[in-house]
């Protein structure tokens, strides 16, 4: 597998509240764990929330063994991360005022398992067909409206309430977690990103970059494109290509 990642605070925000991880898990036969998190700017210390969630995820998955499925491992780890962010808000600020998105992936051989809460995204670019599959659903107000057919992708990108989440890590002691599994083929690319990218760049533009750019240039190209359009939010991208 080949891996590339970029995180950028963008052109407007004073600090980067995004974060990402890429690590091999020895106890899981060197499976690759990747994740992105976007701390919620409307809550205290979004950067702290994303850091706590990512650190908790690495610790939990790092203790897992192959006698459980990847689906159960990532589900349990995200449940733990949610509780740690929630309790950190209470202990540091006196109330559950911290929140973050969290989109995580375990890759092993041809297996992909994604855990997801919030409006960061996971995609799979299928090299054989040139198709881009958005694996996750946005847990956001505009995500709900799009799934109902009330908004187009373009309308959602410009909606005034596009940053309102319907689900996040750390804002409540329990949270529903989506877990999605896929089988990968050689040359496929798994891409995780925060909404600093997808709020400005369409799925078709992401597909074109994955199809046309050299692998190492994909993430920097997309970040530059988002910044050329205003860079209003932090931007984080993790990309993994299979088969190398």
C-alpha atoms as a PDB file:
ATOM      1  CA  UNK A   1       0.000   0.000   0.000  1.00  0.00           C
ATOM      2  CA  UNK A   2       1.068   3.577  -0.663  1.00  0.00           C
ATOM      3  CA  UNK A   3      -0.109   6.350   1.651  1.00  0.00           C
ATOM      4  CA  UNK A   4      -0.165  10.144   1.383  1.00  0.00           C
ATOM      5  CA  UNK A   5      -1.684  12.764   3.678  1.00  0.00           C
ATOM      6  CA  UNK A   6      -1.985  16.529   4.020  1.00  0.00           C
ATOM      7  CA  UNK A   7      -3.559  18.780   6.642  1.00  0.00           C
ATOM      8  CA  UNK A   8      -3.838  22.542   6.211  1.00  0.00           C
ATOM      9  CA  UNK A   9      -5.537  25.185   8.346  1.00  0.00           C
ATOM     10  CA  UNK A  10      -6.850  26.930   5.221  1.00  0.00           C
ATOM     11  CA  UNK A  11      -6.960  30.668   4.696  1.00  0.00           C
ATOM     12  CA  UNK A  12      -9.504  31.825   7.295  1.00  0.00           C
ATOM     13  CA  UNK A  13      -9.277  29.788  10.510  1.00  0.00           C
ATOM     14  CA  UNK A  14      -6.784  30.856  13.168  1.00  0.00           C
ATOM     15  CA  UNK A  15      -5.863  27.294  14.120  1.00  0.00           C
ATOM     16  CA  UNK A  16      -6.146  23.817  12.666  1.00  0.00           C
ATOM     17  CA  UNK A  17      -8.801  21.827  14.518  1.00  0.00           C
ATOM     18  CA  UNK A  18      -8.465  18.891  12.118  1.00  0.00           C
ATOM     19  CA  UNK A  19      -6.271  15.893  12.752  1.00  0.00           C
ATOM     20  CA  UNK A  20      -5.372  12.565  11.174  1.00  0.00           C
ATOM     21  CA  UNK A  21      -3.596   9.315  11.969  1.00  0.00           C
ATOM     22  CA  UNK A  22      -1.902   6.642   9.856  1.00  0.00           C
ATOM     23  CA  UNK A  23      -0.449   3.656  11.695  1.00  0.00           C
ATOM     24  CA  UNK A  24       0.165  -0.061  11.372  1.00  0.00           C
ATOM     25  CA  UNK A  25      -1.429  -2.300  14.023  1.00  0.00           C
ATOM     26  CA  UNK A  26       0.928  -5.176  14.821  1.00  0.00           C
ATOM     27  CA  UNK A  27      -1.661  -7.184  16.756  1.00  0.00           C
ATOM     28  CA  UNK A  28      -3.942  -7.140  13.691  1.00  0.00           C
ATOM     29  CA  UNK A  29      -1.390  -8.653  11.304  1.00  0.00           C
ATOM     30  CA  UNK A  30      -0.048  -5.178  10.464  1.00  0.00           C
ATOM     31  CA  UNK A  31      -3.409  -3.906   9.271  1.00  0.00           C
ATOM     32  CA  UNK A  32      -3.354  -0.211   8.394  1.00  0.00           C
ATOM     33  CA  UNK A  33      -5.419   2.159  10.547  1.00  0.00           C
ATOM     34  CA  UNK A  34      -6.208   5.601   9.098  1.00  0.00           C
ATOM     35  CA  UNK A  35      -8.560   8.278  10.361  1.00  0.00           C
ATOM     36  CA  UNK A  36      -9.484  11.934  10.016  1.00  0.00           C
ATOM     37  CA  UNK A  37     -11.223  14.089  12.619  1.00  0.00           C
ATOM     38  CA  UNK A  38     -12.618  17.614  12.410  1.00  0.00           C
ATOM     39  CA  UNK A  39     -13.050  19.354  15.756  1.00  0.00           C
ATOM     40  CA  UNK A  40     -16.240  21.369  15.953  1.00  0.00           C
ATOM     41  CA  UNK A  41     -15.452  25.071  15.975  1.00  0.00           C
ATOM     42  CA  UNK A  42     -18.708  25.882  17.723  1.00  0.00           C
ATOM     43  CA  UNK A  43     -17.552  23.954  20.761  1.00  0.00           C
ATOM     44  CA  UNK A  44     -14.671  24.665  23.146  1.00  0.00           C
ATOM     45  CA  UNK A  45     -11.295  23.536  21.851  1.00  0.00           C
ATOM     46  CA  UNK A  46     -12.191  21.637  18.722  1.00  0.00           C
ATOM     47  CA  UNK A  47      -8.531  20.761  18.272  1.00  0.00           C
ATOM     48  CA  UNK A  48      -8.542  19.091  21.684  1.00  0.00           C
ATOM     49  CA  UNK A  49     -11.629  17.084  20.772  1.00  0.00           C
ATOM     50  CA  UNK A  50     -10.129  15.782  17.525  1.00  0.00           C
ATOM     51  CA  UNK A  51      -6.836  14.936  19.257  1.00  0.00           C
ATOM     52  CA  UNK A  52      -8.554  13.072  22.098  1.00  0.00           C
ATOM     53  CA  UNK A  53     -10.701  11.090  19.644  1.00  0.00           C
ATOM     54  CA  UNK A  54      -7.751  10.090  17.451  1.00  0.00           C
ATOM     55  CA  UNK A  55      -5.528   9.154  20.394  1.00  0.00           C
ATOM     56  CA  UNK A  56      -8.301   7.037  21.899  1.00  0.00           C
ATOM     57  CA  UNK A  57      -8.892   5.310  18.566  1.00  0.00           C
ATOM     58  CA  UNK A  58      -5.218   4.368  18.186  1.00  0.00           C
ATOM     59  CA  UNK A  59      -5.047   3.033  21.746  1.00  0.00           C
ATOM     60  CA  UNK A  60      -8.207   0.938  21.443  1.00  0.00           C
ATOM     61  CA  UNK A  61      -7.447  -0.543  18.018  1.00  0.00           C
ATOM     62  CA  UNK A  62      -3.833  -1.122  19.063  1.00  0.00           C
ATOM     63  CA  UNK A  63      -5.034  -3.385  21.882  1.00  0.00           C
ATOM     64  CA  UNK A  64      -7.384  -5.384  19.641  1.00  0.00           C
ATOM     65  CA  UNK A  65      -6.725  -8.963  18.577  1.00  0.00           C
ATOM     66  CA  UNK A  66      -7.663 -10.888  15.434  1.00  0.00           C
ATOM     67  CA  UNK A  67     -10.151 -13.038  17.325  1.00  0.00           C
ATOM     68  CA  UNK A  68     -12.716 -10.279  16.648  1.00  0.00           C
ATOM     69  CA  UNK A  69     -13.943  -8.891  13.357  1.00  0.00           C
ATOM     70  CA  UNK A  70     -12.664  -5.547  12.071  1.00  0.00           C
ATOM     71  CA  UNK A  71     -16.271  -4.357  12.198  1.00  0.00           C
ATOM     72  CA  UNK A  72     -16.500  -5.034  15.934  1.00  0.00           C
ATOM     73  CA  UNK A  73     -13.019  -3.644  16.581  1.00  0.00           C
ATOM     74  CA  UNK A  74     -13.708  -0.301  14.917  1.00  0.00           C
ATOM     75  CA  UNK A  75     -17.180  -0.057  16.463  1.00  0.00           C
ATOM     76  CA  UNK A  76     -15.858  -0.646  19.985  1.00  0.00           C
ATOM     77  CA  UNK A  77     -12.974   1.786  19.438  1.00  0.00           C
ATOM     78  CA  UNK A  78     -15.275   4.575  18.267  1.00  0.00           C
ATOM     79  CA  UNK A  79     -17.668   4.002  21.165  1.00  0.00           C
ATOM     80  CA  UNK A  80     -14.686   4.395  23.496  1.00  0.00           C
ATOM     81  CA  UNK A  81     -13.471   7.515  21.643  1.00  0.00           C
ATOM     82  CA  UNK A  82     -16.913   9.098  21.954  1.00  0.00           C
ATOM     83  CA  UNK A  83     -17.001   8.532  25.697  1.00  0.00           C
ATOM     84  CA  UNK A  84     -13.461   9.860  26.172  1.00  0.00           C
ATOM     85  CA  UNK A  85     -14.222  13.098  24.316  1.00  0.00           C
ATOM     86  CA  UNK A  86     -17.483  13.483  26.244  1.00  0.00           C
ATOM     87  CA  UNK A  87     -15.798  12.924  29.606  1.00  0.00           C
ATOM     88  CA  UNK A  88     -12.869  15.191  28.675  1.00  0.00           C
ATOM     89  CA  UNK A  89     -15.280  18.053  28.074  1.00  0.00           C
ATOM     90  CA  UNK A  90     -16.853  17.567  31.485  1.00  0.00           C
ATOM     91  CA  UNK A  91     -13.538  17.239  33.333  1.00  0.00           C
ATOM     92  CA  UNK A  92     -11.840  20.204  31.634  1.00  0.00           C
ATOM     93  CA  UNK A  93     -14.741  22.613  31.127  1.00  0.00           C
ATOM     94  CA  UNK A  94     -17.473  21.409  33.487  1.00  0.00           C
ATOM     95  CA  UNK A  95     -19.857  20.344  30.712  1.00  0.00           C
ATOM     96  CA  UNK A  96     -19.842  18.211  27.529  1.00  0.00           C
ATOM     97  CA  UNK A  97     -18.749  21.096  25.302  1.00  0.00           C
ATOM     98  CA  UNK A  98     -16.316  19.254  23.027  1.00  0.00           C
ATOM     99  CA  UNK A  99     -17.192  17.612  19.734  1.00  0.00           C
ATOM    100  CA  UNK A 100     -15.573  16.236  16.601  1.00  0.00           C
ATOM    101  CA  UNK A 101     -16.254  14.218  13.510  1.00  0.00           C
ATOM    102  CA  UNK A 102     -14.415  10.908  13.206  1.00  0.00           C
ATOM    103  CA  UNK A 103     -14.033   8.794  10.073  1.00  0.00           C
ATOM    104  CA  UNK A 104     -11.708   5.817  10.455  1.00  0.00           C
ATOM    105  CA  UNK A 105     -10.649   2.959   8.206  1.00  0.00           C
ATOM    106  CA  UNK A 106      -8.920  -0.368   8.770  1.00  0.00           C
ATOM    107  CA  UNK A 107      -7.325  -1.829   5.627  1.00  0.00           C
ATOM    108  CA  UNK A 108      -6.011  -5.377   5.506  1.00  0.00           C
ATOM    109  CA  UNK A 109      -5.399  -7.213   2.253  1.00  0.00           C
ATOM    110  CA  UNK A 110      -8.474  -6.623   0.112  1.00  0.00           C
ATOM    111  CA  UNK A 111     -10.624  -5.756   3.134  1.00  0.00           C
ATOM    112  CA  UNK A 112     -11.798  -2.253   4.058  1.00  0.00           C
ATOM    113  CA  UNK A 113     -13.785  -1.468   7.192  1.00  0.00           C
ATOM    114  CA  UNK A 114     -14.902   2.126   7.839  1.00  0.00           C
ATOM    115  CA  UNK A 115     -16.337   3.604  11.027  1.00  0.00           C
ATOM    116  CA  UNK A 116     -18.024   6.972  10.703  1.00  0.00           C
ATOM    117  CA  UNK A 117     -19.674   9.768  12.667  1.00  0.00           C
ATOM    118  CA  UNK A 118     -20.154  13.320  11.351  1.00  0.00           C
ATOM    119  CA  UNK A 119     -19.631  14.951   7.967  1.00  0.00           C
ATOM    120  CA  UNK A 120     -16.054  13.995   7.190  1.00  0.00           C
ATOM    121  CA  UNK A 121     -16.088  11.407   4.412  1.00  0.00           C
ATOM    122  CA  UNK A 122     -14.625   8.148   3.144  1.00  0.00           C
ATOM    123  CA  UNK A 123     -14.464   7.412  -0.580  1.00  0.00           C
ATOM    124  CA  UNK A 124     -13.265   4.475  -2.671  1.00  0.00           C
ATOM    125  CA  UNK A 125     -11.952   5.162  -6.158  1.00  0.00           C
ATOM    126  CA  UNK A 126     -12.380   1.948  -8.147  1.00  0.00           C
ATOM    127  CA  UNK A 127      -9.389   1.855 -10.481  1.00  0.00           C
ATOM    128  CA  UNK A 128     -10.845  -0.716 -12.868  1.00  0.00           C
ATOM    129  CA  UNK A 129     -13.939   1.343 -13.694  1.00  0.00           C
ATOM    130  CA  UNK A 130     -12.841   4.882 -12.845  1.00  0.00           C
ATOM    131  CA  UNK A 131     -15.859   5.179 -10.538  1.00  0.00           C
ATOM    132  CA  UNK A 132     -15.770   7.145  -7.287  1.00  0.00           C
ATOM    133  CA  UNK A 133     -17.935   5.701  -4.511  1.00  0.00           C
ATOM    134  CA  UNK A 134     -18.824   7.857  -1.515  1.00  0.00           C
ATOM    135  CA  UNK A 135     -18.831   5.190   1.173  1.00  0.00           C
ATOM    136  CA  UNK A 136     -20.141   7.327   4.054  1.00  0.00           C
ATOM    137  CA  UNK A 137     -23.266   9.428   4.508  1.00  0.00           C
ATOM    138  CA  UNK A 138     -22.955  12.924   5.961  1.00  0.00           C
ATOM    139  CA  UNK A 139     -24.522  13.220   9.409  1.00  0.00           C
ATOM    140  CA  UNK A 140     -25.556  16.802   8.789  1.00  0.00           C
ATOM    141  CA  UNK A 141     -28.646  18.860   8.086  1.00  0.00           C
ATOM    142  CA  UNK A 142     -27.790  19.250   4.403  1.00  0.00           C
ATOM    143  CA  UNK A 143     -26.963  15.540   4.230  1.00  0.00           C
ATOM    144  CA  UNK A 144     -30.506  14.758   5.355  1.00  0.00           C
ATOM    145  CA  UNK A 145     -31.930  17.213   2.835  1.00  0.00           C
ATOM    146  CA  UNK A 146     -29.846  15.728   0.009  1.00  0.00           C
ATOM    147  CA  UNK A 147     -30.941  12.168   0.810  1.00  0.00           C
ATOM    148  CA  UNK A 148     -34.565  13.368   0.759  1.00  0.00           C
ATOM    149  CA  UNK A 149     -33.984  14.891  -2.665  1.00  0.00           C
ATOM    150  CA  UNK A 150     -34.545  18.459  -1.426  1.00  0.00           C
ATOM    151  CA  UNK A 151     -31.018  19.665  -2.281  1.00  0.00           C
ATOM    152  CA  UNK A 152     -28.549  18.996  -5.074  1.00  0.00           C
ATOM    153  CA  UNK A 153     -24.843  18.542  -4.339  1.00  0.00           C
ATOM    154  CA  UNK A 154     -24.146  22.069  -5.595  1.00  0.00           C
ATOM    155  CA  UNK A 155     -26.956  23.553  -3.481  1.00  0.00           C
ATOM    156  CA  UNK A 156     -25.699  21.692  -0.413  1.00  0.00           C
ATOM    157  CA  UNK A 157     -22.189  23.106  -0.867  1.00  0.00           C
ATOM    158  CA  UNK A 158     -23.580  26.645  -0.693  1.00  0.00           C
ATOM    159  CA  UNK A 159     -26.302  26.126   1.930  1.00  0.00           C
ATOM    160  CA  UNK A 160     -26.020  28.538   4.911  1.00  0.00           C
ATOM    161  CA  UNK A 161     -26.577  25.694   7.406  1.00  0.00           C
ATOM    162  CA  UNK A 162     -24.172  23.198   5.832  1.00  0.00           C
ATOM    163  CA  UNK A 163     -22.028  22.979   8.984  1.00  0.00           C
ATOM    164  CA  UNK A 164     -24.900  21.879  11.265  1.00  0.00           C
ATOM    165  CA  UNK A 165     -24.246  18.263  12.311  1.00  0.00           C
ATOM    166  CA  UNK A 166     -26.924  15.780  13.292  1.00  0.00           C
ATOM    167  CA  UNK A 167     -24.393  13.434  14.892  1.00  0.00           C
ATOM    168  CA  UNK A 168     -20.910  13.973  16.376  1.00  0.00           C
ATOM    169  CA  UNK A 169     -18.328  12.351  18.610  1.00  0.00           C
ATOM    170  CA  UNK A 170     -18.279  13.623  22.201  1.00  0.00           C
ATOM    171  CA  UNK A 171     -21.430  15.720  22.447  1.00  0.00           C
ATOM    172  CA  UNK A 172     -23.431  12.943  24.154  1.00  0.00           C
ATOM    173  CA  UNK A 173     -22.392   9.872  26.158  1.00  0.00           C
ATOM    174  CA  UNK A 174     -23.725   7.582  23.426  1.00  0.00           C
ATOM    175  CA  UNK A 175     -23.720   8.001  19.659  1.00  0.00           C
ATOM    176  CA  UNK A 176     -24.856   5.892  16.708  1.00  0.00           C
ATOM    177  CA  UNK A 177     -21.882   4.791  14.609  1.00  0.00           C
ATOM    178  CA  UNK A 178     -22.022   3.755  10.964  1.00  0.00           C
ATOM    179  CA  UNK A 179     -19.773   0.822  10.053  1.00  0.00           C
ATOM    180  CA  UNK A 180     -19.323   0.004   6.373  1.00  0.00           C
ATOM    181  CA  UNK A 181     -17.323  -2.824   4.780  1.00  0.00           C
ATOM    182  CA  UNK A 182     -15.995  -3.088   1.224  1.00  0.00           C
ATOM    183  CA  UNK A 183     -13.768  -5.427  -0.764  1.00  0.00           C
ATOM    184  CA  UNK A 184     -10.946  -3.647  -2.566  1.00  0.00           C
ATOM    185  CA  UNK A 185      -9.126  -4.472  -5.797  1.00  0.00           C
ATOM    186  CA  UNK A 186      -5.508  -3.743  -6.664  1.00  0.00           C
ATOM    187  CA  UNK A 187      -5.046  -0.090  -7.571  1.00  0.00           C
ATOM    188  CA  UNK A 188      -8.132   1.144  -5.736  1.00  0.00           C
ATOM    189  CA  UNK A 189      -7.702   4.309  -3.679  1.00  0.00           C
ATOM    190  CA  UNK A 190      -9.314   4.892  -0.289  1.00  0.00           C
ATOM    191  CA  UNK A 191      -9.641   8.598   0.483  1.00  0.00           C
ATOM    192  CA  UNK A 192     -10.624  10.086   3.837  1.00  0.00           C
ATOM    193  CA  UNK A 193     -11.213  13.832   4.106  1.00  0.00           C
ATOM    194  CA  UNK A 194     -12.800  16.559   6.196  1.00  0.00           C
ATOM    195  CA  UNK A 195     -15.474  18.950   4.972  1.00  0.00           C
ATOM    196  CA  UNK A 196     -12.929  21.678   4.379  1.00  0.00           C
ATOM    197  CA  UNK A 197     -12.421  19.819   1.105  1.00  0.00           C
ATOM    198  CA  UNK A 198     -15.912  18.600   0.257  1.00  0.00           C
ATOM    199  CA  UNK A 199     -17.515  21.920   1.117  1.00  0.00           C
ATOM    200  CA  UNK A 200     -15.686  23.428  -1.861  1.00  0.00           C
ATOM    201  CA  UNK A 201     -14.799  20.519  -4.168  1.00  0.00           C
ATOM    202  CA  UNK A 202     -17.416  18.323  -5.853  1.00  0.00           C
ATOM    203  CA  UNK A 203     -17.326  14.535  -5.975  1.00  0.00           C
ATOM    204  CA  UNK A 204     -16.728  14.696  -9.724  1.00  0.00           C
ATOM    205  CA  UNK A 205     -13.683  16.910  -9.208  1.00  0.00           C
ATOM    206  CA  UNK A 206     -12.351  14.503  -6.584  1.00  0.00           C
ATOM    207  CA  UNK A 207     -12.875  11.617  -9.019  1.00  0.00           C
ATOM    208  CA  UNK A 208     -11.015  13.481 -11.760  1.00  0.00           C
ATOM    209  CA  UNK A 209      -8.049  14.134  -9.454  1.00  0.00           C
ATOM    210  CA  UNK A 210      -7.877  10.492  -8.427  1.00  0.00           C
ATOM    211  CA  UNK A 211      -8.067   9.363 -12.047  1.00  0.00           C
ATOM    212  CA  UNK A 212      -5.633  11.845 -13.553  1.00  0.00           C
ATOM    213  CA  UNK A 213      -3.023  12.867 -10.979  1.00  0.00           C
ATOM    214  CA  UNK A 214       0.045  10.973  -9.831  1.00  0.00           C
ATOM    215  CA  UNK A 215      -0.793   9.406  -6.486  1.00  0.00           C
ATOM    216  CA  UNK A 216       1.573  11.559  -4.402  1.00  0.00           C
ATOM    217  CA  UNK A 217       0.164  14.725  -5.997  1.00  0.00           C
ATOM    218  CA  UNK A 218      -3.515  14.002  -5.336  1.00  0.00           C
ATOM    219  CA  UNK A 219      -3.766  15.370  -1.784  1.00  0.00           C
ATOM    220  CA  UNK A 220      -1.672  18.529  -2.372  1.00  0.00           C
ATOM    221  CA  UNK A 221      -3.605  19.229  -5.591  1.00  0.00           C
ATOM    222  CA  UNK A 222      -6.981  18.974  -3.857  1.00  0.00           C
ATOM    223  CA  UNK A 223      -5.852  21.158  -0.944  1.00  0.00           C
ATOM    224  CA  UNK A 224      -4.588  23.805  -3.352  1.00  0.00           C
ATOM    225  CA  UNK A 225      -7.866  23.680  -5.263  1.00  0.00           C
ATOM    226  CA  UNK A 226      -9.879  24.174  -2.046  1.00  0.00           C
ATOM    227  CA  UNK A 227      -7.680  27.097  -1.010  1.00  0.00           C
ATOM    228  CA  UNK A 228      -8.021  28.668  -4.451  1.00  0.00           C
ATOM    229  CA  UNK A 229     -11.781  28.707  -3.788  1.00  0.00           C
ATOM    230  CA  UNK A 230     -11.457  30.458  -0.453  1.00  0.00           C
ATOM    231  CA  UNK A 231     -10.047  27.863   1.953  1.00  0.00           C
ATOM    232  CA  UNK A 232     -12.731  28.776   4.477  1.00  0.00           C
ATOM    233  CA  UNK A 233     -12.134  25.733   6.699  1.00  0.00           C
ATOM    234  CA  UNK A 234      -9.338  23.411   7.764  1.00  0.00           C
ATOM    235  CA  UNK A 235      -8.600  20.814   5.087  1.00  0.00           C
ATOM    236  CA  UNK A 236      -7.353  17.284   5.761  1.00  0.00           C
ATOM    237  CA  UNK A 237      -6.894  14.415   3.311  1.00  0.00           C
ATOM    238  CA  UNK A 238      -5.570  10.866   3.766  1.00  0.00           C
ATOM    239  CA  UNK A 239      -5.246   8.655   0.678  1.00  0.00           C
ATOM    240  CA  UNK A 240      -4.240   4.987   0.470  1.00  0.00           C
ATOM    241  CA  UNK A 241      -3.632   3.107  -2.778  1.00  0.00           C
ATOM    242  CA  UNK A 242      -3.796  -0.668  -2.647  1.00  0.00           C
ATOM    243  CA  UNK A 243      -1.616  -3.141  -4.454  1.00  0.00           C
ATOM    244  CA  UNK A 244       1.748  -1.331  -4.277  1.00  0.00           C
END
